[in-house]
Amino acid sequence: MSDWIHPEWQAPAGVVSLCSTRGSDGRANSLNFALPENRRKLREGMPGAPVWLHQVHSNRVIRVDTDTLPETREADACYCDIRQRVVAILVADCLPILLCSKEGKAIAAIHAGWRGLASGIIGRTLQLARPGEWSAWLGPAIGPCHYEVSDDVQNQFPQSHGFTPAAKPGKWYMDLYAIAAQQLQTAGVHDIHGGSYCTFCDQRCDQDGDQDGNQDGDQKRFFSHRRDGETGRMAAFIWMT
């Protein structure tokens, strides 16, 4: 699975996490998980069919604590303490957040766009969580280098943390990673990993500020709605064996 990202975080044994990319074989839809046919192929390498949400940029969280799935899956986060149950999040600029308890007894996945962050989806998810320490991984999202928003978005956040003024009046560069990290810490999660990609410009910044990325012509590594308009979706997965 060379086209996949294997999160580097301190997940306990038995917790498996993966995040897809756009794919590097020249077929733009080979890893587009907005397509049902690509979702069906996943069942061969996972313990079961993933729980797919109908994501609507809300702060609604569903809980999977039995073998029976909720009938209503219009939500943007999923909490699960059932083993062998895969939960998934679709993204193409919004931030995928994977969570696991350090005891390895529960997991969660969050679709965090600006609306979800503004309405407290991280805190709502962790309110369902069992007491204890948690770890978080922040997957590929649009970076502050390209995520320009207007005053009406910036005004949704009570603090200016995560916003840098842009050259145009009334415009800001928004850092989804910084805002999510702050909200995770406020909710008691301090073991936070990831958060270094930009889906728009296809770069990854290392600790020295240098960048490396797949800049091979037009074959970008990530889907980006803001860059391409109509586009596919990547997926982040987590489950407990």
C-alpha atoms as a PDB file:
ATOM      1  CA  MET A   1       0.000   0.000   0.000  1.00  0.00           C
ATOM      2  CA  SER A   2       2.670   2.461  -1.085  1.00  0.00           C
ATOM      3  CA  ASP A   3       0.056   5.054  -2.053  1.00  0.00           C
ATOM      4  CA  TRP A   4      -1.308   5.105   1.496  1.00  0.00           C
ATOM      5  CA  ILE A   5      -0.247   7.108   4.523  1.00  0.00           C
ATOM      6  CA  HIS A   6       0.512   5.068   7.617  1.00  0.00           C
ATOM      7  CA  PRO A   7       0.078   7.477  10.539  1.00  0.00           C
ATOM      8  CA  GLU A   8       3.084   7.905  12.777  1.00  0.00           C
ATOM      9  CA  TRP A   9       1.618   8.190  16.257  1.00  0.00           C
ATOM     10  CA  GLN A  10       1.642   6.388  19.570  1.00  0.00           C
ATOM     11  CA  ALA A  11      -1.342   4.147  18.971  1.00  0.00           C
ATOM     12  CA  PRO A  12      -1.443   1.049  21.197  1.00  0.00           C
ATOM     13  CA  ALA A  13      -1.053  -2.438  19.823  1.00  0.00           C
ATOM     14  CA  GLY A  14      -4.208  -3.599  18.123  1.00  0.00           C
ATOM     15  CA  VAL A  15      -5.225  -0.189  16.787  1.00  0.00           C
ATOM     16  CA  VAL A  16      -4.855   0.051  13.004  1.00  0.00           C
ATOM     17  CA  SER A  17      -5.002   3.353  11.121  1.00  0.00           C
ATOM     18  CA  LEU A  18      -4.628   4.255   7.451  1.00  0.00           C
ATOM     19  CA  CYS A  19      -5.222   7.255   5.217  1.00  0.00           C
ATOM     20  CA  SER A  20      -5.532   7.088   1.464  1.00  0.00           C
ATOM     21  CA  THR A  21      -4.082   9.483  -1.084  1.00  0.00           C
ATOM     22  CA  ARG A  22      -5.158  10.227  -4.623  1.00  0.00           C
ATOM     23  CA  GLY A  23      -2.947   7.403  -5.890  1.00  0.00           C
ATOM     24  CA  SER A  24       0.161   7.538  -8.033  1.00  0.00           C
ATOM     25  CA  ASP A  25      -0.651   5.124 -10.842  1.00  0.00           C
ATOM     26  CA  GLY A  26      -2.070   7.769 -13.169  1.00  0.00           C
ATOM     27  CA  ARG A  27      -5.684   6.774 -12.594  1.00  0.00           C
ATOM     28  CA  ALA A  28      -7.271   9.761 -10.865  1.00  0.00           C
ATOM     29  CA  ASN A  29     -10.134   7.680  -9.453  1.00  0.00           C
ATOM     30  CA  SER A  30      -8.224   4.581  -8.349  1.00  0.00           C
ATOM     31  CA  LEU A  31      -8.409   5.652  -4.693  1.00  0.00           C
ATOM     32  CA  ASN A  32     -11.459   7.893  -4.907  1.00  0.00           C
ATOM     33  CA  PHE A  33     -13.624   6.612  -2.066  1.00  0.00           C
ATOM     34  CA  ALA A  34     -16.561   8.758  -3.073  1.00  0.00           C
ATOM     35  CA  LEU A  35     -17.141   5.946  -5.594  1.00  0.00           C
ATOM     36  CA  PRO A  36     -19.061   2.882  -4.295  1.00  0.00           C
ATOM     37  CA  GLU A  37     -16.975   0.465  -6.388  1.00  0.00           C
ATOM     38  CA  ASN A  38     -13.793   1.569  -4.663  1.00  0.00           C
ATOM     39  CA  ARG A  39     -15.427   1.204  -1.250  1.00  0.00           C
ATOM     40  CA  ARG A  40     -16.417  -2.384  -2.048  1.00  0.00           C
ATOM     41  CA  LYS A  41     -12.797  -3.304  -2.827  1.00  0.00           C
ATOM     42  CA  LEU A  42     -11.775  -2.384   0.716  1.00  0.00           C
ATOM     43  CA  ARG A  43     -13.621  -5.308   2.252  1.00  0.00           C
ATOM     44  CA  GLU A  44     -10.873  -7.679   1.084  1.00  0.00           C
ATOM     45  CA  GLY A  45      -8.233  -6.085   3.320  1.00  0.00           C
ATOM     46  CA  MET A  46     -10.282  -5.001   6.338  1.00  0.00           C
ATOM     47  CA  PRO A  47     -12.157  -6.909   9.049  1.00  0.00           C
ATOM     48  CA  GLY A  48     -15.465  -5.667   7.659  1.00  0.00           C
ATOM     49  CA  ALA A  49     -17.189  -2.968   5.673  1.00  0.00           C
ATOM     50  CA  PRO A  50     -16.341   0.480   7.085  1.00  0.00           C
ATOM     51  CA  VAL A  51     -18.963   2.626   8.752  1.00  0.00           C
ATOM     52  CA  TRP A  52     -19.461   5.432   6.209  1.00  0.00           C
ATOM     53  CA  LEU A  53     -21.103   8.641   7.370  1.00  0.00           C
ATOM     54  CA  HIS A  54     -23.323  11.027   5.460  1.00  0.00           C
ATOM     55  CA  GLN A  55     -21.139  14.048   6.191  1.00  0.00           C
ATOM     56  CA  VAL A  56     -22.933  17.391   6.350  1.00  0.00           C
ATOM     57  CA  HIS A  57     -20.421  19.757   8.040  1.00  0.00           C
ATOM     58  CA  SER A  58     -22.233  19.456  11.375  1.00  0.00           C
ATOM     59  CA  ASN A  59     -21.176  18.772  14.948  1.00  0.00           C
ATOM     60  CA  ARG A  60     -23.227  15.564  15.159  1.00  0.00           C
ATOM     61  CA  VAL A  61     -21.514  12.426  16.451  1.00  0.00           C
ATOM     62  CA  ILE A  62     -22.832   8.873  16.192  1.00  0.00           C
ATOM     63  CA  ARG A  63     -21.833   6.123  18.595  1.00  0.00           C
ATOM     64  CA  VAL A  64     -21.208   2.528  17.574  1.00  0.00           C
ATOM     65  CA  ASP A  65     -21.283   0.447  20.750  1.00  0.00           C
ATOM     66  CA  THR A  66     -23.142  -2.627  19.519  1.00  0.00           C
ATOM     67  CA  ASP A  67     -22.893  -4.823  16.456  1.00  0.00           C
ATOM     68  CA  THR A  68     -25.974  -3.049  15.061  1.00  0.00           C
ATOM     69  CA  LEU A  69     -25.157   0.144  13.180  1.00  0.00           C
ATOM     70  CA  PRO A  70     -27.189   3.319  13.773  1.00  0.00           C
ATOM     71  CA  GLU A  71     -29.941   3.795  11.208  1.00  0.00           C
ATOM     72  CA  THR A  72     -29.183   7.510  10.868  1.00  0.00           C
ATOM     73  CA  ARG A  73     -25.627   8.222   9.824  1.00  0.00           C
ATOM     74  CA  GLU A  74     -25.968  11.918   9.006  1.00  0.00           C
ATOM     75  CA  ALA A  75     -23.019  12.979  11.117  1.00  0.00           C
ATOM     76  CA  ASP A  76     -19.425  14.149  10.936  1.00  0.00           C
ATOM     77  CA  ALA A  77     -17.832  12.025  13.636  1.00  0.00           C
ATOM     78  CA  CYS A  78     -18.075   8.446  14.815  1.00  0.00           C
ATOM     79  CA  TYR A  79     -17.129   6.996  18.219  1.00  0.00           C
ATOM     80  CA  CYS A  80     -16.668   3.232  18.516  1.00  0.00           C
ATOM     81  CA  ASP A  81     -15.689   0.737  21.209  1.00  0.00           C
ATOM     82  CA  ILE A  82     -16.434  -2.413  19.202  1.00  0.00           C
ATOM     83  CA  ARG A  83     -13.487  -4.445  17.946  1.00  0.00           C
ATOM     84  CA  GLN A  84     -13.235  -5.308  14.246  1.00  0.00           C
ATOM     85  CA  ARG A  85     -15.499  -2.360  13.374  1.00  0.00           C
ATOM     86  CA  VAL A  86     -13.870   0.022  10.898  1.00  0.00           C
ATOM     87  CA  VAL A  87     -14.860   3.695  10.982  1.00  0.00           C
ATOM     88  CA  ALA A  88     -14.044   6.060   8.131  1.00  0.00           C
ATOM     89  CA  ILE A  89     -13.977   9.755   7.247  1.00  0.00           C
ATOM     90  CA  LEU A  90     -13.975  11.242   3.729  1.00  0.00           C
ATOM     91  CA  VAL A  91     -12.006  14.418   2.975  1.00  0.00           C
ATOM     92  CA  ALA A  92     -10.717  16.603   0.154  1.00  0.00           C
ATOM     93  CA  ASP A  93      -9.366  19.647   2.098  1.00  0.00           C
ATOM     94  CA  CYS A  94     -11.230  19.297   5.402  1.00  0.00           C
ATOM     95  CA  LEU A  95      -9.232  17.826   8.277  1.00  0.00           C
ATOM     96  CA  PRO A  96      -9.530  14.122   9.163  1.00  0.00           C
ATOM     97  CA  ILE A  97      -8.843  13.471  12.851  1.00  0.00           C
ATOM     98  CA  LEU A  98      -8.295   9.950  14.192  1.00  0.00           C
ATOM     99  CA  LEU A  99      -8.476   9.286  17.934  1.00  0.00           C
ATOM    100  CA  CYS A 100      -7.703   6.275  20.075  1.00  0.00           C
ATOM    101  CA  SER A 101      -7.641   5.672  23.801  1.00  0.00           C
ATOM    102  CA  LYS A 102      -4.193   4.821  25.094  1.00  0.00           C
ATOM    103  CA  GLU A 103      -5.701   1.669  26.578  1.00  0.00           C
ATOM    104  CA  GLY A 104      -6.678   0.601  23.064  1.00  0.00           C
ATOM    105  CA  LYS A 105     -10.339   0.140  24.009  1.00  0.00           C
ATOM    106  CA  ALA A 106     -12.028   2.861  21.936  1.00  0.00           C
ATOM    107  CA  ILE A 107     -11.517   4.855  18.765  1.00  0.00           C
ATOM    108  CA  ALA A 108     -13.077   7.802  16.943  1.00  0.00           C
ATOM    109  CA  ALA A 109     -12.870   9.541  13.581  1.00  0.00           C
ATOM    110  CA  ILE A 110     -13.790  13.183  12.941  1.00  0.00           C
ATOM    111  CA  HIS A 111     -14.459  15.174   9.773  1.00  0.00           C
ATOM    112  CA  ALA A 112     -13.339  18.669  10.790  1.00  0.00           C
ATOM    113  CA  GLY A 113     -14.013  21.498   8.382  1.00  0.00           C
ATOM    114  CA  TRP A 114     -14.321  25.059   9.630  1.00  0.00           C
ATOM    115  CA  ARG A 115     -18.021  24.622  10.403  1.00  0.00           C
ATOM    116  CA  GLY A 116     -17.404  21.528  12.484  1.00  0.00           C
ATOM    117  CA  LEU A 117     -14.550  23.166  14.370  1.00  0.00           C
ATOM    118  CA  ALA A 118     -16.610  26.302  14.989  1.00  0.00           C
ATOM    119  CA  SER A 119     -19.509  24.262  16.366  1.00  0.00           C
ATOM    120  CA  GLY A 120     -17.341  22.149  18.675  1.00  0.00           C
ATOM    121  CA  ILE A 121     -17.310  18.734  17.016  1.00  0.00           C
ATOM    122  CA  ILE A 122     -14.032  17.770  18.705  1.00  0.00           C
ATOM    123  CA  GLY A 123     -15.366  18.457  22.174  1.00  0.00           C
ATOM    124  CA  ARG A 124     -18.669  16.727  21.448  1.00  0.00           C
ATOM    125  CA  THR A 125     -16.841  13.602  20.271  1.00  0.00           C
ATOM    126  CA  LEU A 126     -14.658  13.447  23.355  1.00  0.00           C
ATOM    127  CA  GLN A 127     -17.692  13.920  25.604  1.00  0.00           C
ATOM    128  CA  LEU A 128     -18.739  10.426  24.489  1.00  0.00           C
ATOM    129  CA  ALA A 129     -15.299   8.998  25.173  1.00  0.00           C
ATOM    130  CA  ARG A 130     -14.458   6.744  28.053  1.00  0.00           C
ATOM    131  CA  PRO A 131     -12.336   8.405  30.764  1.00  0.00           C
ATOM    132  CA  GLY A 132      -8.587   8.145  30.284  1.00  0.00           C
ATOM    133  CA  GLU A 133      -5.798   9.378  28.083  1.00  0.00           C
ATOM    134  CA  TRP A 134      -6.257   9.733  24.337  1.00  0.00           C
ATOM    135  CA  SER A 135      -3.996  10.156  21.319  1.00  0.00           C
ATOM    136  CA  ALA A 136      -4.844  12.058  18.127  1.00  0.00           C
ATOM    137  CA  TRP A 137      -3.557  12.038  14.576  1.00  0.00           C
ATOM    138  CA  LEU A 138      -4.272  14.925  12.196  1.00  0.00           C
ATOM    139  CA  GLY A 139      -4.384  13.789   8.579  1.00  0.00           C
ATOM    140  CA  PRO A 140      -3.971  15.622   5.259  1.00  0.00           C
ATOM    141  CA  ALA A 141      -5.917  18.895   5.036  1.00  0.00           C
ATOM    142  CA  ILE A 142      -5.582  22.204   3.251  1.00  0.00           C
ATOM    143  CA  GLY A 143      -2.799  24.173   4.908  1.00  0.00           C
ATOM    144  CA  PRO A 144      -2.740  27.816   6.037  1.00  0.00           C
ATOM    145  CA  CYS A 145      -0.610  28.584   2.980  1.00  0.00           C
ATOM    146  CA  HIS A 146      -3.708  28.226   0.752  1.00  0.00           C
ATOM    147  CA  TYR A 147      -6.800  28.274   2.944  1.00  0.00           C
ATOM    148  CA  GLU A 148      -8.051  31.843   2.556  1.00  0.00           C
ATOM    149  CA  VAL A 149     -11.350  32.662   4.249  1.00  0.00           C
ATOM    150  CA  SER A 150     -13.458  35.775   4.809  1.00  0.00           C
ATOM    151  CA  ASP A 151     -14.330  37.742   7.927  1.00  0.00           C
ATOM    152  CA  ASP A 152     -17.578  35.806   8.320  1.00  0.00           C
ATOM    153  CA  VAL A 153     -15.600  32.605   8.913  1.00  0.00           C
ATOM    154  CA  GLN A 154     -13.018  34.181  11.201  1.00  0.00           C
ATOM    155  CA  ASN A 155     -15.820  35.743  13.250  1.00  0.00           C
ATOM    156  CA  GLN A 156     -17.151  32.258  14.080  1.00  0.00           C
ATOM    157  CA  PHE A 157     -14.152  31.709  16.342  1.00  0.00           C
ATOM    158  CA  PRO A 158     -13.959  33.636  19.623  1.00  0.00           C
ATOM    159  CA  GLN A 159     -10.170  33.819  19.526  1.00  0.00           C
ATOM    160  CA  SER A 160      -7.877  34.856  16.687  1.00  0.00           C
ATOM    161  CA  HIS A 161      -5.671  31.783  17.218  1.00  0.00           C
ATOM    162  CA  GLY A 162      -5.173  29.986  13.906  1.00  0.00           C
ATOM    163  CA  PHE A 163      -5.794  33.025  11.678  1.00  0.00           C
ATOM    164  CA  THR A 164      -3.276  35.235   9.870  1.00  0.00           C
ATOM    165  CA  PRO A 165      -4.370  38.379   7.962  1.00  0.00           C
ATOM    166  CA  ALA A 166      -4.173  37.970   4.187  1.00  0.00           C
ATOM    167  CA  ALA A 167      -3.152  40.698   1.750  1.00  0.00           C
ATOM    168  CA  LYS A 168      -6.766  41.432   0.781  1.00  0.00           C
ATOM    169  CA  PRO A 169      -8.909  43.365   3.285  1.00  0.00           C
ATOM    170  CA  GLY A 170     -11.403  41.166   5.061  1.00  0.00           C
ATOM    171  CA  LYS A 171      -9.481  37.982   4.216  1.00  0.00           C
ATOM    172  CA  TRP A 172      -7.592  35.584   6.475  1.00  0.00           C
ATOM    173  CA  TYR A 173      -5.442  32.492   6.144  1.00  0.00           C
ATOM    174  CA  MET A 174      -6.923  29.808   8.361  1.00  0.00           C
ATOM    175  CA  ASP A 175      -4.853  27.081  10.023  1.00  0.00           C
ATOM    176  CA  LEU A 176      -7.136  24.087  10.558  1.00  0.00           C
ATOM    177  CA  TYR A 177      -4.310  22.170  12.206  1.00  0.00           C
ATOM    178  CA  ALA A 178      -3.578  24.840  14.812  1.00  0.00           C
ATOM    179  CA  ILE A 179      -7.253  25.307  15.695  1.00  0.00           C
ATOM    180  CA  ALA A 180      -7.863  21.564  15.960  1.00  0.00           C
ATOM    181  CA  ALA A 181      -4.767  21.093  18.141  1.00  0.00           C
ATOM    182  CA  GLN A 182      -5.916  23.852  20.481  1.00  0.00           C
ATOM    183  CA  GLN A 183      -9.404  22.348  20.760  1.00  0.00           C
ATOM    184  CA  LEU A 184      -7.971  18.877  21.384  1.00  0.00           C
ATOM    185  CA  GLN A 185      -5.788  20.231  24.179  1.00  0.00           C
ATOM    186  CA  THR A 186      -8.751  22.052  25.698  1.00  0.00           C
ATOM    187  CA  ALA A 187     -10.631  18.736  25.673  1.00  0.00           C
ATOM    188  CA  GLY A 188      -7.733  17.029  27.463  1.00  0.00           C
ATOM    189  CA  VAL A 189      -5.885  15.429  24.538  1.00  0.00           C
ATOM    190  CA  HIS A 190      -2.208  16.374  24.591  1.00  0.00           C
ATOM    191  CA  ASP A 191      -0.650  13.516  22.596  1.00  0.00           C
ATOM    192  CA  ILE A 192      -1.175  14.982  19.113  1.00  0.00           C
ATOM    193  CA  HIS A 193       0.596  13.880  15.945  1.00  0.00           C
ATOM    194  CA  GLY A 194       0.486  14.681  12.214  1.00  0.00           C
ATOM    195  CA  GLY A 195      -0.710  18.010  10.884  1.00  0.00           C
ATOM    196  CA  SER A 196       2.045  18.777   8.397  1.00  0.00           C
ATOM    197  CA  TYR A 197       0.424  18.323   4.969  1.00  0.00           C
ATOM    198  CA  CYS A 198      -1.332  20.676   2.574  1.00  0.00           C
ATOM    199  CA  THR A 199      -3.760  19.013   0.198  1.00  0.00           C
ATOM    200  CA  PHE A 200      -3.813  22.065  -2.078  1.00  0.00           C
ATOM    201  CA  CYS A 201      -0.101  22.453  -2.808  1.00  0.00           C
ATOM    202  CA  ASP A 202       0.823  18.828  -2.110  1.00  0.00           C
ATOM    203  CA  GLN A 203       3.668  19.620   0.244  1.00  0.00           C
ATOM    204  CA  ARG A 204       4.866  18.232   3.529  1.00  0.00           C
ATOM    205  CA  CYS A 205       6.937  20.462   5.797  1.00  0.00           C
ATOM    206  CA  ASP A 206       9.574  18.864   7.970  1.00  0.00           C
ATOM    207  CA  GLN A 207      10.767  20.225  11.301  1.00  0.00           C
ATOM    208  CA  ASP A 208      13.392  22.420   9.613  1.00  0.00           C
ATOM    209  CA  GLY A 209      10.794  24.140   7.450  1.00  0.00           C
ATOM    210  CA  ASP A 210      11.938  22.421   4.262  1.00  0.00           C
ATOM    211  CA  GLN A 211       9.291  20.968   1.995  1.00  0.00           C
ATOM    212  CA  ASP A 212       9.078  17.815  -0.026  1.00  0.00           C
ATOM    213  CA  GLY A 213       6.170  16.597  -2.058  1.00  0.00           C
ATOM    214  CA  ASN A 214       5.059  14.874  -5.212  1.00  0.00           C
ATOM    215  CA  GLN A 215       5.307  17.615  -7.809  1.00  0.00           C
ATOM    216  CA  ASP A 216       5.416  15.293 -10.829  1.00  0.00           C
ATOM    217  CA  GLY A 217       3.490  17.326 -13.400  1.00  0.00           C
ATOM    218  CA  ASP A 218      -0.218  17.407 -12.649  1.00  0.00           C
ATOM    219  CA  GLN A 219      -0.249  14.135 -10.719  1.00  0.00           C
ATOM    220  CA  LYS A 220      -0.921  15.465  -7.260  1.00  0.00           C
ATOM    221  CA  ARG A 221      -0.849  13.195  -4.243  1.00  0.00           C
ATOM    222  CA  PHE A 222      -4.064  14.513  -2.674  1.00  0.00           C
ATOM    223  CA  PHE A 223      -7.573  15.404  -3.759  1.00  0.00           C
ATOM    224  CA  SER A 224      -8.334  19.090  -3.142  1.00  0.00           C
ATOM    225  CA  HIS A 225     -11.764  20.622  -3.631  1.00  0.00           C
ATOM    226  CA  ARG A 226     -10.459  24.176  -3.444  1.00  0.00           C
ATOM    227  CA  ARG A 227      -7.737  23.501  -5.992  1.00  0.00           C
ATOM    228  CA  ASP A 228      -9.699  21.399  -8.484  1.00  0.00           C
ATOM    229  CA  GLY A 229     -13.380  22.160  -7.867  1.00  0.00           C
ATOM    230  CA  GLU A 230     -15.174  18.894  -8.619  1.00  0.00           C
ATOM    231  CA  THR A 231     -12.906  16.171  -7.298  1.00  0.00           C
ATOM    232  CA  GLY A 232     -12.709  12.823  -5.521  1.00  0.00           C
ATOM    233  CA  ARG A 233     -12.397  12.005  -1.835  1.00  0.00           C
ATOM    234  CA  MET A 234      -9.646  10.487   0.276  1.00  0.00           C
ATOM    235  CA  ALA A 235     -10.494   8.396   3.316  1.00  0.00           C
ATOM    236  CA  ALA A 236      -9.013   7.958   6.777  1.00  0.00           C
ATOM    237  CA  PHE A 237      -9.730   4.676   8.562  1.00  0.00           C
ATOM    238  CA  ILE A 238      -9.270   3.341  12.074  1.00  0.00           C
ATOM    239  CA  TRP A 239     -10.238   0.092  13.787  1.00  0.00           C
ATOM    240  CA  MET A 240      -9.315  -2.192  16.674  1.00  0.00           C
ATOM    241  CA  THR A 241      -8.231  -5.779  16.007  1.00  0.00           C
END
